[in-house]
C-alpha atoms as a PDB file:
ATOM      1  CA  UNK A   1      20.725   5.007 -22.651  1.00  0.00           C
ATOM      2  CA  UNK A   2      24.402   3.766 -21.614  1.00  0.00           C
ATOM      3  CA  UNK A   3      23.864   2.912 -18.152  1.00  0.00           C
ATOM      4  CA  UNK A   4      27.759   1.595 -17.859  1.00  0.00           C
ATOM      5  CA  UNK A   5      28.637   5.365 -18.603  1.00  0.00           C
ATOM      6  CA  UNK A   6      26.360   6.844 -15.774  1.00  0.00           C
ATOM      7  CA  UNK A   7      27.653   4.224 -13.417  1.00  0.00           C
ATOM      8  CA  UNK A   8      31.227   4.852 -14.365  1.00  0.00           C
ATOM      9  CA  UNK A   9      30.657   8.665 -13.788  1.00  0.00           C
ATOM     10  CA  UNK A  10      28.805   7.786 -10.386  1.00  0.00           C
ATOM     11  CA  UNK A  11      32.103   5.839  -9.430  1.00  0.00           C
ATOM     12  CA  UNK A  12      34.538   8.686 -10.773  1.00  0.00           C
ATOM     13  CA  UNK A  13      32.746  10.917  -8.518  1.00  0.00           C
ATOM     14  CA  UNK A  14      32.300   8.867  -5.585  1.00  0.00           C
ATOM     15  CA  UNK A  15      36.200   8.315  -5.556  1.00  0.00           C
ATOM     16  CA  UNK A  16      36.994  11.803  -5.828  1.00  0.00           C
ATOM     17  CA  UNK A  17      34.825  12.804  -3.161  1.00  0.00           C
ATOM     18  CA  UNK A  18      36.477  10.165  -1.009  1.00  0.00           C
ATOM     19  CA  UNK A  19      39.278  11.862  -1.898  1.00  0.00           C
ATOM     20  CA  UNK A  20      38.249  14.970  -0.073  1.00  0.00           C
ATOM     21  CA  UNK A  21      37.691  16.553  -3.439  1.00  0.00           C
ATOM     22  CA  UNK A  22      34.704  18.908  -4.581  1.00  0.00           C
ATOM     23  CA  UNK A  23      31.950  18.069  -6.790  1.00  0.00           C
ATOM     24  CA  UNK A  24      33.107  20.817  -8.939  1.00  0.00           C
ATOM     25  CA  UNK A  25      36.856  19.449  -8.858  1.00  0.00           C
ATOM     26  CA  UNK A  26      35.559  16.008  -9.893  1.00  0.00           C
ATOM     27  CA  UNK A  27      33.578  17.791 -12.886  1.00  0.00           C
ATOM     28  CA  UNK A  28      36.791  19.477 -14.034  1.00  0.00           C
ATOM     29  CA  UNK A  29      38.935  16.393 -13.956  1.00  0.00           C
ATOM     30  CA  UNK A  30      36.327  14.483 -15.558  1.00  0.00           C
ATOM     31  CA  UNK A  31      35.547  16.645 -18.812  1.00  0.00           C
ATOM     32  CA  UNK A  32      39.508  16.928 -19.028  1.00  0.00           C
ATOM     33  CA  UNK A  33      40.149  12.918 -18.411  1.00  0.00           C
ATOM     34  CA  UNK A  34      38.139  12.591 -22.020  1.00  0.00           C
ATOM     35  CA  UNK A  35      36.674   9.629 -20.120  1.00  0.00           C
ATOM     36  CA  UNK A  36      33.172  11.118 -20.627  1.00  0.00           C
ATOM     37  CA  UNK A  37      32.713   8.461 -23.459  1.00  0.00           C
ATOM     38  CA  UNK A  38      34.682   5.275 -22.050  1.00  0.00           C
ATOM     39  CA  UNK A  39      32.133   3.067 -22.261  1.00  0.00           C
ATOM     40  CA  UNK A  40      30.092   4.755 -24.735  1.00  0.00           C
ATOM     41  CA  UNK A  41      30.385   6.707 -27.606  1.00  0.00           C
ATOM     42  CA  UNK A  42      27.655   9.277 -26.373  1.00  0.00           C
ATOM     43  CA  UNK A  43      27.079  11.507 -23.654  1.00  0.00           C
ATOM     44  CA  UNK A  44      24.684  10.920 -21.228  1.00  0.00           C
ATOM     45  CA  UNK A  45      21.276  10.945 -22.418  1.00  0.00           C
ATOM     46  CA  UNK A  46      19.054  14.216 -20.198  1.00  0.00           C
ATOM     47  CA  UNK A  47      17.241  11.984 -18.075  1.00  0.00           C
ATOM     48  CA  UNK A  48      20.847  10.338 -16.618  1.00  0.00           C
ATOM     49  CA  UNK A  49      22.365  13.552 -16.613  1.00  0.00           C
ATOM     50  CA  UNK A  50      19.165  14.909 -15.132  1.00  0.00           C
ATOM     51  CA  UNK A  51      19.441  11.922 -12.627  1.00  0.00           C
ATOM     52  CA  UNK A  52      23.103  12.377 -11.805  1.00  0.00           C
ATOM     53  CA  UNK A  53      23.115  16.163 -11.186  1.00  0.00           C
ATOM     54  CA  UNK A  54      20.432  15.669  -8.606  1.00  0.00           C
ATOM     55  CA  UNK A  55      22.531  12.495  -7.099  1.00  0.00           C
ATOM     56  CA  UNK A  56      25.711  14.898  -6.978  1.00  0.00           C
ATOM     57  CA  UNK A  57      23.993  17.999  -5.085  1.00  0.00           C
ATOM     58  CA  UNK A  58      22.328  15.571  -2.679  1.00  0.00           C
ATOM     59  CA  UNK A  59      25.579  13.489  -2.310  1.00  0.00           C
ATOM     60  CA  UNK A  60      27.489  16.984  -1.728  1.00  0.00           C
ATOM     61  CA  UNK A  61      24.765  18.113   0.919  1.00  0.00           C
ATOM     62  CA  UNK A  62      25.168  14.616   2.598  1.00  0.00           C
ATOM     63  CA  UNK A  63      28.976  14.393   3.248  1.00  0.00           C
ATOM     64  CA  UNK A  64      29.162  18.414   4.240  1.00  0.00           C
ATOM     65  CA  UNK A  65      26.469  16.851   6.732  1.00  0.00           C
ATOM     66  CA  UNK A  66      29.253  14.003   7.874  1.00  0.00           C
ATOM     67  CA  UNK A  67      27.688  11.211   6.062  1.00  0.00           C
ATOM     68  CA  UNK A  68      30.392   8.610   4.686  1.00  0.00           C
ATOM     69  CA  UNK A  69      30.767   8.489   1.028  1.00  0.00           C
ATOM     70  CA  UNK A  70      30.048   5.408   0.312  1.00  0.00           C
ATOM     71  CA  UNK A  71      26.696   5.975   2.107  1.00  0.00           C
ATOM     72  CA  UNK A  72      25.654   8.533  -0.874  1.00  0.00           C
ATOM     73  CA  UNK A  73      23.500   8.993  -3.629  1.00  0.00           C
ATOM     74  CA  UNK A  74      26.315   8.871  -5.920  1.00  0.00           C
ATOM     75  CA  UNK A  75      27.827   5.760  -3.862  1.00  0.00           C
ATOM     76  CA  UNK A  76      24.008   4.097  -4.292  1.00  0.00           C
ATOM     77  CA  UNK A  77      23.754   4.635  -8.131  1.00  0.00           C
ATOM     78  CA  UNK A  78      27.207   4.033  -8.738  1.00  0.00           C
ATOM     79  CA  UNK A  79      26.296   0.064  -7.728  1.00  0.00           C
ATOM     80  CA  UNK A  80      22.761  -0.221  -8.771  1.00  0.00           C
ATOM     81  CA  UNK A  81      23.048  -2.189 -12.224  1.00  0.00           C
ATOM     82  CA  UNK A  82      20.524  -0.351 -14.260  1.00  0.00           C
ATOM     83  CA  UNK A  83      21.804  -1.773 -17.370  1.00  0.00           C
ATOM     84  CA  UNK A  84      21.523  -5.551 -16.485  1.00  0.00           C
ATOM     85  CA  UNK A  85      18.138  -5.308 -14.645  1.00  0.00           C
ATOM     86  CA  UNK A  86      16.462  -2.935 -17.401  1.00  0.00           C
ATOM     87  CA  UNK A  87      17.809  -3.209 -20.889  1.00  0.00           C
ATOM     88  CA  UNK A  88      19.611  -6.359 -20.599  1.00  0.00           C
ATOM     89  CA  UNK A  89      17.679  -8.768 -18.628  1.00  0.00           C
ATOM     90  CA  UNK A  90      18.043 -12.399 -20.113  1.00  0.00           C
ATOM     91  CA  UNK A  91      14.244 -12.518 -19.040  1.00  0.00           C
ATOM     92  CA  UNK A  92      13.314  -9.723 -21.398  1.00  0.00           C
ATOM     93  CA  UNK A  93      15.487 -11.276 -24.298  1.00  0.00           C
ATOM     94  CA  UNK A  94      13.402 -14.439 -23.832  1.00  0.00           C
ATOM     95  CA  UNK A  95       9.904 -12.223 -23.988  1.00  0.00           C
ATOM     96  CA  UNK A  96      11.752 -10.676 -27.081  1.00  0.00           C
ATOM     97  CA  UNK A  97      12.306 -13.889 -29.121  1.00  0.00           C
ATOM     98  CA  UNK A  98       8.680 -14.993 -28.361  1.00  0.00           C
ATOM     99  CA  UNK A  99       7.888 -12.265 -29.919  1.00  0.00           C
ATOM    100  CA  UNK A 100       9.764 -12.601 -32.997  1.00  0.00           C
ATOM    101  CA  UNK A 101       8.982 -16.235 -32.941  1.00  0.00           C
ATOM    102  CA  UNK A 102       4.814 -15.078 -32.922  1.00  0.00           C
ATOM    103  CA  UNK A 103       5.542 -12.196 -35.915  1.00  0.00           C
ATOM    104  CA  UNK A 104       7.455 -14.658 -38.423  1.00  0.00           C
ATOM    105  CA  UNK A 105       4.570 -17.036 -37.913  1.00  0.00           C
ATOM    106  CA  UNK A 106       2.253 -14.000 -38.853  1.00  0.00           C
ATOM    107  CA  UNK A 107       3.657 -12.635 -41.668  1.00  0.00           C
ATOM    108  CA  UNK A 108       4.529 -16.111 -43.212  1.00  0.00           C
ATOM    109  CA  UNK A 109       0.673 -16.800 -42.983  1.00  0.00           C
ATOM    110  CA  UNK A 110       0.083 -13.605 -44.452  1.00  0.00           C
ATOM    111  CA  UNK A 111       2.112 -13.738 -47.169  1.00  0.00           C
ATOM    112  CA  UNK A 112       1.399 -17.214 -47.922  1.00  0.00           C
ATOM    113  CA  UNK A 113      -2.299 -17.077 -47.675  1.00  0.00           C
ATOM    114  CA  UNK A 114      -2.479 -13.668 -49.780  1.00  0.00           C
ATOM    115  CA  UNK A 115      -0.349 -15.467 -52.741  1.00  0.00           C
ATOM    116  CA  UNK A 116      -3.086 -17.983 -52.273  1.00  0.00           C
ATOM    117  CA  UNK A 117      -6.206 -15.706 -52.384  1.00  0.00           C
ATOM    118  CA  UNK A 118      -4.269 -13.786 -55.518  1.00  0.00           C
ATOM    119  CA  UNK A 119      -3.589 -16.405 -57.507  1.00  0.00           C
ATOM    120  CA  UNK A 120      -4.700 -20.192 -56.781  1.00  0.00           C
ATOM    121  CA  UNK A 121      -8.077 -19.617 -55.337  1.00  0.00           C
ATOM    122  CA  UNK A 122      -9.334 -17.897 -58.431  1.00  0.00           C
ATOM    123  CA  UNK A 123      -8.447 -20.546 -60.319  1.00  0.00           C
ATOM    124  CA  UNK A 124     -10.091 -23.299 -58.142  1.00  0.00           C
ATOM    125  CA  UNK A 125     -13.175 -21.098 -58.325  1.00  0.00           C
ATOM    126  CA  UNK A 126     -13.356 -21.259 -62.028  1.00  0.00           C
ATOM    127  CA  UNK A 127     -12.685 -24.831 -62.109  1.00  0.00           C
ATOM    128  CA  UNK A 128     -15.551 -25.605 -59.435  1.00  0.00           C
ATOM    129  CA  UNK A 129     -18.204 -23.340 -61.204  1.00  0.00           C
ATOM    130  CA  UNK A 130     -17.654 -25.961 -64.121  1.00  0.00           C
ATOM    131  CA  UNK A 131     -18.105 -29.199 -61.660  1.00  0.00           C
ATOM    132  CA  UNK A 132     -20.244 -27.713 -58.991  1.00  0.00           C
ATOM    133  CA  UNK A 133     -19.858 -31.396 -56.961  1.00  0.00           C
ATOM    134  CA  UNK A 134     -16.270 -30.182 -56.312  1.00  0.00           C
ATOM    135  CA  UNK A 135     -17.918 -27.681 -54.004  1.00  0.00           C
ATOM    136  CA  UNK A 136     -17.119 -28.216 -50.144  1.00  0.00           C
ATOM    137  CA  UNK A 137     -17.190 -26.038 -46.940  1.00  0.00           C
ATOM    138  CA  UNK A 138     -13.885 -25.860 -46.490  1.00  0.00           C
ATOM    139  CA  UNK A 139     -13.476 -23.886 -49.951  1.00  0.00           C
ATOM    140  CA  UNK A 140     -16.959 -21.653 -48.935  1.00  0.00           C
ATOM    141  CA  UNK A 141     -15.309 -20.427 -45.948  1.00  0.00           C
ATOM    142  CA  UNK A 142     -11.981 -19.579 -46.972  1.00  0.00           C
ATOM    143  CA  UNK A 143     -12.493 -16.043 -47.836  1.00  0.00           C
ATOM    144  CA  UNK A 144     -14.300 -15.254 -44.273  1.00  0.00           C
ATOM    145  CA  UNK A 145     -11.449 -17.639 -42.334  1.00  0.00           C
ATOM    146  CA  UNK A 146      -8.448 -15.647 -44.518  1.00  0.00           C
ATOM    147  CA  UNK A 147      -9.779 -12.046 -43.097  1.00  0.00           C
ATOM    148  CA  UNK A 148      -9.966 -13.176 -39.961  1.00  0.00           C
ATOM    149  CA  UNK A 149      -6.658 -14.990 -39.913  1.00  0.00           C
ATOM    150  CA  UNK A 150      -5.229 -11.496 -41.562  1.00  0.00           C
ATOM    151  CA  UNK A 151      -6.644  -9.555 -38.739  1.00  0.00           C
ATOM    152  CA  UNK A 152      -5.271 -11.678 -36.062  1.00  0.00           C
ATOM    153  CA  UNK A 153      -1.653 -11.568 -37.860  1.00  0.00           C
ATOM    154  CA  UNK A 154      -2.030  -7.732 -38.221  1.00  0.00           C
ATOM    155  CA  UNK A 155      -3.055  -7.610 -34.212  1.00  0.00           C
ATOM    156  CA  UNK A 156       0.160  -9.948 -33.547  1.00  0.00           C
ATOM    157  CA  UNK A 157       2.312  -7.913 -35.334  1.00  0.00           C
ATOM    158  CA  UNK A 158       1.335  -4.516 -34.016  1.00  0.00           C
ATOM    159  CA  UNK A 159       1.099  -5.493 -30.461  1.00  0.00           C
ATOM    160  CA  UNK A 160       4.176  -7.213 -30.499  1.00  0.00           C
ATOM    161  CA  UNK A 161       6.073  -4.140 -32.112  1.00  0.00           C
ATOM    162  CA  UNK A 162       4.340  -1.949 -29.093  1.00  0.00           C
ATOM    163  CA  UNK A 163       5.391  -4.228 -26.624  1.00  0.00           C
ATOM    164  CA  UNK A 164       8.967  -4.723 -28.018  1.00  0.00           C
ATOM    165  CA  UNK A 165       9.464  -1.030 -27.942  1.00  0.00           C
ATOM    166  CA  UNK A 166       8.381  -1.035 -24.267  1.00  0.00           C
ATOM    167  CA  UNK A 167      10.425  -3.600 -23.053  1.00  0.00           C
ATOM    168  CA  UNK A 168      13.764  -1.880 -25.175  1.00  0.00           C
ATOM    169  CA  UNK A 169      12.313   1.491 -23.590  1.00  0.00           C
ATOM    170  CA  UNK A 170      11.914   0.197 -19.867  1.00  0.00           C
ATOM    171  CA  UNK A 171      14.554   1.930 -18.589  1.00  0.00           C
ATOM    172  CA  UNK A 172      13.221   4.906 -19.738  1.00  0.00           C
ATOM    173  CA  UNK A 173       9.361   4.185 -18.738  1.00  0.00           C
ATOM    174  CA  UNK A 174      10.958   3.355 -15.096  1.00  0.00           C
ATOM    175  CA  UNK A 175      12.732   6.594 -14.660  1.00  0.00           C
ATOM    176  CA  UNK A 176      10.799   9.045 -16.280  1.00  0.00           C
ATOM    177  CA  UNK A 177       7.369   7.546 -16.113  1.00  0.00           C
ATOM    178  CA  UNK A 178       4.921   6.181 -18.330  1.00  0.00           C
ATOM    179  CA  UNK A 179       3.311   8.246 -20.944  1.00  0.00           C
ATOM    180  CA  UNK A 180      -0.190   8.398 -21.389  1.00  0.00           C
ATOM    181  CA  UNK A 181      -0.440   6.171 -24.592  1.00  0.00           C
ATOM    182  CA  UNK A 182       1.943   3.799 -22.396  1.00  0.00           C
ATOM    183  CA  UNK A 183      -0.304   3.675 -19.704  1.00  0.00           C
ATOM    184  CA  UNK A 184      -3.130   3.086 -21.879  1.00  0.00           C
ATOM    185  CA  UNK A 185      -1.415  -0.430 -23.133  1.00  0.00           C
ATOM    186  CA  UNK A 186       0.401  -1.909 -20.030  1.00  0.00           C
ATOM    187  CA  UNK A 187      -1.691  -3.459 -17.705  1.00  0.00           C
ATOM    188  CA  UNK A 188      -2.440  -1.931 -13.845  1.00  0.00           C
ATOM    189  CA  UNK A 189      -0.063  -4.745 -12.442  1.00  0.00           C
ATOM    190  CA  UNK A 190       3.173  -3.475 -14.295  1.00  0.00           C
ATOM    191  CA  UNK A 191       2.614  -0.065 -14.174  1.00  0.00           C
ATOM    192  CA  UNK A 192       2.196  -0.633 -10.327  1.00  0.00           C
ATOM    193  CA  UNK A 193       5.790  -2.191 -10.511  1.00  0.00           C
ATOM    194  CA  UNK A 194       6.995   0.745 -12.621  1.00  0.00           C
ATOM    195  CA  UNK A 195       5.917   2.851  -9.915  1.00  0.00           C
ATOM    196  CA  UNK A 196       7.808   1.018  -7.495  1.00  0.00           C
ATOM    197  CA  UNK A 197      11.018   0.739  -8.976  1.00  0.00           C
ATOM    198  CA  UNK A 198      10.937   4.380  -9.838  1.00  0.00           C
ATOM    199  CA  UNK A 199      10.265   5.305  -6.033  1.00  0.00           C
ATOM    200  CA  UNK A 200      13.384   2.645  -5.105  1.00  0.00           C
ATOM    201  CA  UNK A 201      15.380   4.302  -7.543  1.00  0.00           C
ATOM    202  CA  UNK A 202      15.039   8.060  -7.115  1.00  0.00           C
ATOM    203  CA  UNK A 203      14.185   8.022  -3.323  1.00  0.00           C
ATOM    204  CA  UNK A 204      17.915   8.965  -2.236  1.00  0.00           C
ATOM    205  CA  UNK A 205      17.799  12.165  -4.157  1.00  0.00           C
ATOM    206  CA  UNK A 206      13.986  13.012  -3.143  1.00  0.00           C
ATOM    207  CA  UNK A 207      13.067  15.937  -0.807  1.00  0.00           C
ATOM    208  CA  UNK A 208      13.879  14.353   2.983  1.00  0.00           C
ATOM    209  CA  UNK A 209      10.241  15.842   3.692  1.00  0.00           C
ATOM    210  CA  UNK A 210       8.701  12.970   1.799  1.00  0.00           C
ATOM    211  CA  UNK A 211       5.775  11.452   3.551  1.00  0.00           C
ATOM    212  CA  UNK A 212       5.910   7.874   1.791  1.00  0.00           C
ATOM    213  CA  UNK A 213       5.748   4.734   3.316  1.00  0.00           C
ATOM    214  CA  UNK A 214       8.938   3.536   1.516  1.00  0.00           C
ATOM    215  CA  UNK A 215      10.661   6.525   2.638  1.00  0.00           C
ATOM    216  CA  UNK A 216       9.580   5.950   6.362  1.00  0.00           C
ATOM    217  CA  UNK A 217      11.196   2.598   6.558  1.00  0.00           C
ATOM    218  CA  UNK A 218      14.136   3.562   4.625  1.00  0.00           C
ATOM    219  CA  UNK A 219      14.737   6.067   7.324  1.00  0.00           C
ATOM    220  CA  UNK A 220      14.339   3.674  10.216  1.00  0.00           C
ATOM    221  CA  UNK A 221      17.147   1.768   8.748  1.00  0.00           C
ATOM    222  CA  UNK A 222      19.213   4.369   8.341  1.00  0.00           C
ATOM    223  CA  UNK A 223      18.454   5.810  11.879  1.00  0.00           C
ATOM    224  CA  UNK A 224      18.975   1.950  13.203  1.00  0.00           C
ATOM    225  CA  UNK A 225      22.860   2.437  11.596  1.00  0.00           C
ATOM    226  CA  UNK A 226      22.037   0.169   8.998  1.00  0.00           C
ATOM    227  CA  UNK A 227      22.759   0.641   5.326  1.00  0.00           C
ATOM    228  CA  UNK A 228      20.212   1.637   3.464  1.00  0.00           C
ATOM    229  CA  UNK A 229      21.555   1.212   0.069  1.00  0.00           C
ATOM    230  CA  UNK A 230      21.703  -2.085   0.612  1.00  0.00           C
ATOM    231  CA  UNK A 231      18.532  -2.939   1.363  1.00  0.00           C
ATOM    232  CA  UNK A 232      16.974  -0.483  -1.407  1.00  0.00           C
ATOM    233  CA  UNK A 233      19.416  -3.062  -3.882  1.00  0.00           C
ATOM    234  CA  UNK A 234      17.549  -5.621  -2.435  1.00  0.00           C
ATOM    235  CA  UNK A 235      14.156  -3.920  -2.936  1.00  0.00           C
ATOM    236  CA  UNK A 236      15.339  -3.013  -6.426  1.00  0.00           C
ATOM    237  CA  UNK A 237      16.579  -6.644  -7.422  1.00  0.00           C
ATOM    238  CA  UNK A 238      12.992  -8.039  -5.794  1.00  0.00           C
ATOM    239  CA  UNK A 239      11.103  -5.374  -8.033  1.00  0.00           C
ATOM    240  CA  UNK A 240      12.628  -5.715 -11.399  1.00  0.00           C
ATOM    241  CA  UNK A 241      12.229  -9.646 -11.162  1.00  0.00           C
ATOM    242  CA  UNK A 242       8.258  -8.908 -10.288  1.00  0.00           C
ATOM    243  CA  UNK A 243       8.132  -6.437 -13.193  1.00  0.00           C
ATOM    244  CA  UNK A 244       9.662  -9.183 -15.564  1.00  0.00           C
ATOM    245  CA  UNK A 245       7.201 -11.596 -14.431  1.00  0.00           C
ATOM    246  CA  UNK A 246       4.352  -9.362 -14.606  1.00  0.00           C
ATOM    247  CA  UNK A 247       5.299  -9.002 -18.566  1.00  0.00           C
ATOM    248  CA  UNK A 248       6.117 -12.370 -19.394  1.00  0.00           C
ATOM    249  CA  UNK A 249       2.096 -13.132 -18.007  1.00  0.00           C
ATOM    250  CA  UNK A 250       0.820 -10.568 -20.232  1.00  0.00           C
ATOM    251  CA  UNK A 251       2.902 -11.854 -23.466  1.00  0.00           C
ATOM    252  CA  UNK A 252       1.690 -15.504 -22.163  1.00  0.00           C
ATOM    253  CA  UNK A 253      -1.928 -14.286 -21.962  1.00  0.00           C
ATOM    254  CA  UNK A 254      -1.846 -12.540 -25.537  1.00  0.00           C
ATOM    255  CA  UNK A 255      -0.547 -15.806 -26.694  1.00  0.00           C
ATOM    256  CA  UNK A 256      -2.838 -18.024 -25.213  1.00  0.00           C
ATOM    257  CA  UNK A 257      -5.609 -15.952 -27.112  1.00  0.00           C
ATOM    258  CA  UNK A 258      -4.408 -15.262 -30.558  1.00  0.00           C
ATOM    259  CA  UNK A 259      -1.820 -18.171 -31.165  1.00  0.00           C
ATOM    260  CA  UNK A 260      -4.575 -20.862 -31.337  1.00  0.00           C
ATOM    261  CA  UNK A 261      -6.748 -18.612 -34.034  1.00  0.00           C
ATOM    262  CA  UNK A 262      -3.668 -18.287 -35.926  1.00  0.00           C
ATOM    263  CA  UNK A 263      -2.737 -21.847 -35.881  1.00  0.00           C
ATOM    264  CA  UNK A 264      -6.260 -22.772 -37.035  1.00  0.00           C
ATOM    265  CA  UNK A 265      -6.227 -20.400 -39.744  1.00  0.00           C
ATOM    266  CA  UNK A 266      -2.923 -21.903 -40.650  1.00  0.00           C
ATOM    267  CA  UNK A 267      -4.141 -25.301 -40.578  1.00  0.00           C
ATOM    268  CA  UNK A 268      -7.361 -24.098 -42.510  1.00  0.00           C
ATOM    269  CA  UNK A 269      -4.816 -22.618 -45.172  1.00  0.00           C
ATOM    270  CA  UNK A 270      -3.090 -25.814 -45.740  1.00  0.00           C
ATOM    271  CA  UNK A 271      -6.515 -27.752 -45.813  1.00  0.00           C
ATOM    272  CA  UNK A 272      -7.776 -25.688 -48.548  1.00  0.00           C
ATOM    273  CA  UNK A 273      -4.996 -26.052 -50.816  1.00  0.00           C
ATOM    274  CA  UNK A 274      -4.772 -30.177 -50.686  1.00  0.00           C
ATOM    275  CA  UNK A 275      -8.719 -30.792 -50.565  1.00  0.00           C
ATOM    276  CA  UNK A 276      -9.278 -28.708 -54.028  1.00  0.00           C
ATOM    277  CA  UNK A 277      -6.272 -30.901 -55.599  1.00  0.00           C
ATOM    278  CA  UNK A 278      -7.645 -34.009 -54.294  1.00  0.00           C
ATOM    279  CA  UNK A 279     -10.965 -33.413 -55.912  1.00  0.00           C
ATOM    280  CA  UNK A 280      -9.571 -32.608 -59.372  1.00  0.00           C
ATOM    281  CA  UNK A 281      -8.219 -35.805 -59.270  1.00  0.00           C
ATOM    282  CA  UNK A 282     -11.277 -37.755 -58.601  1.00  0.00           C
ATOM    283  CA  UNK A 283     -12.950 -35.937 -61.247  1.00  0.00           C
ATOM    284  CA  UNK A 284      -9.861 -36.631 -63.392  1.00  0.00           C
ATOM    285  CA  UNK A 285     -10.299 -40.496 -62.867  1.00  0.00           C
END
């Protein structure tokens, strides 16, 4: 999703409303200006366009009712940094780098151990058959440990792929809601933060009859003459940080569970390479 273009369109319409223009006039000028691809070569995606259209309708009603344009729904989305918080976050970049590191180790293990299994292990097996006293527990357990390592490596790759896809599409998940398969993967704590962020982002365009705790609190802020957009920005920042922390904790738990098994498999593989060599050296001597 191109959020910079979405925010620009919101700013464009907000400024036109401040000049006393209508939404229809702003839309016509926007299309004729050639600025619909200022920040991206692609048009807004359906979810973004739907969000914008709802914000435009609500803002038009708000301005008609006497609300200042700078407090409207369009002004809210113009200032809400969805790109930086939901897609280009440094925390998410660190998480992805962590996942890529684990995937690299898993791929290296699969490649090297499989080569050893196919080409080297059979040779040592024939040699040990001729010299039974060279046999050792490490060599006998190689097949089992190799299989365990493959399963763990495949699990790491599959899990990392799914989580990386989820992180790269976090904005869609928050705006549109998690699908059934996403709900089956993500922990409840993450889903709660996703739902909270969805409420914060979409609150300015929701029905005024909405009976929710957040809506009541924001409505009270408006009645006291305070800027509700500022408070929504603050809540948005707080919950995006919480979401990042929850995702980081999930990845850390996965790493604590699977990484030791993978490292032990790699260590066992290295040991299994050198022990037969040393044993052969003893026989030759």
